[in-house]
């Protein structure tokens, strides 16, 4: 088992990968630097090997697929994940790693948004999107994570081995954040400096399509982790709609004793029935979710025991 594993998912980062590997080897000399190449066509893997990294491959395209491979193959007391585009400074790595190894945090978030991100990043829609996602998740899940979509994070062994990777692309960071909050993991924020990509380095993130995927992921995870709230909102909306159309029918009936909008009355009745079904669906799913939480806690004990056993075998 490695003491510290630095995980660098890469796709066509030949202009920056050597600098990233070299800097993290200098700051964390005892760490093993893993570069996972995701079908690069510019020689990223060869450059990383020459810089001293352990290079492995993931052929399914997408950052989420790369992270799934990393988490399943590597055992370490502390994992440090960073992008290969040289936007995150290696100088902050020691502070983040110490939060895991010394303070026993489960996830440490490299917080760009509290420092230089809005000044360095030249894509205004990315700035807006980051703020929107952060506000949405912290409101829906009652959390205080300062930077939801940062690619600079540190993890404990028990976080990595109990995190089910479902996303295939860049929405993986959102999924990590919500998983940590929902499972009551110990989360810390470390403010880091952010620098924009150097000239010639191109972002793989599509502002609109990937932004839509992130919002879709938030909605999906909100439905999964808080089904009572999600389906309760749906039920409330349906009741409001039914009430809006039902009130004129009642007024007409009181005034004339007649119900001329009989089809509307029937539709209102079906809408109310749908609202009741939605409400009870949320309650049933909440019960299932509570059972899953119990099972997760038992899995957490098993993983912690497994880690302690591996550490003992290494000594």
Foldseek 3Di string as FASTA:
>chain_A
DAAEEEEEEDAAQQVFQLVVLLQLCVLCVRYAYEYEYAPHDPCSQVSNVVSPHHYHYDPQDAPLSSLLVVLVPDAHQKYKFAYRQPFFHSNCVVVQSCCCVPVVAFKEAAAAPVPCCVPADPDVLVVVLQVVLQVVCCVLLVDDARTQQHRTMMGGNLLSVLQDRDDGHSLSSNSSVNVCSLLVTGYHYDYGHTHDGDPPDDDPDDSPPVSVVNVVVVLVVSCQSQVLVNLLVVLVVLLVVLVVLVVVQVVCCVVPVDRPPVVSPVVSVVSNVVSVVSNVVSVVSVVVNVVVSVVSVVVSVVSVVVSVVVVVVVD
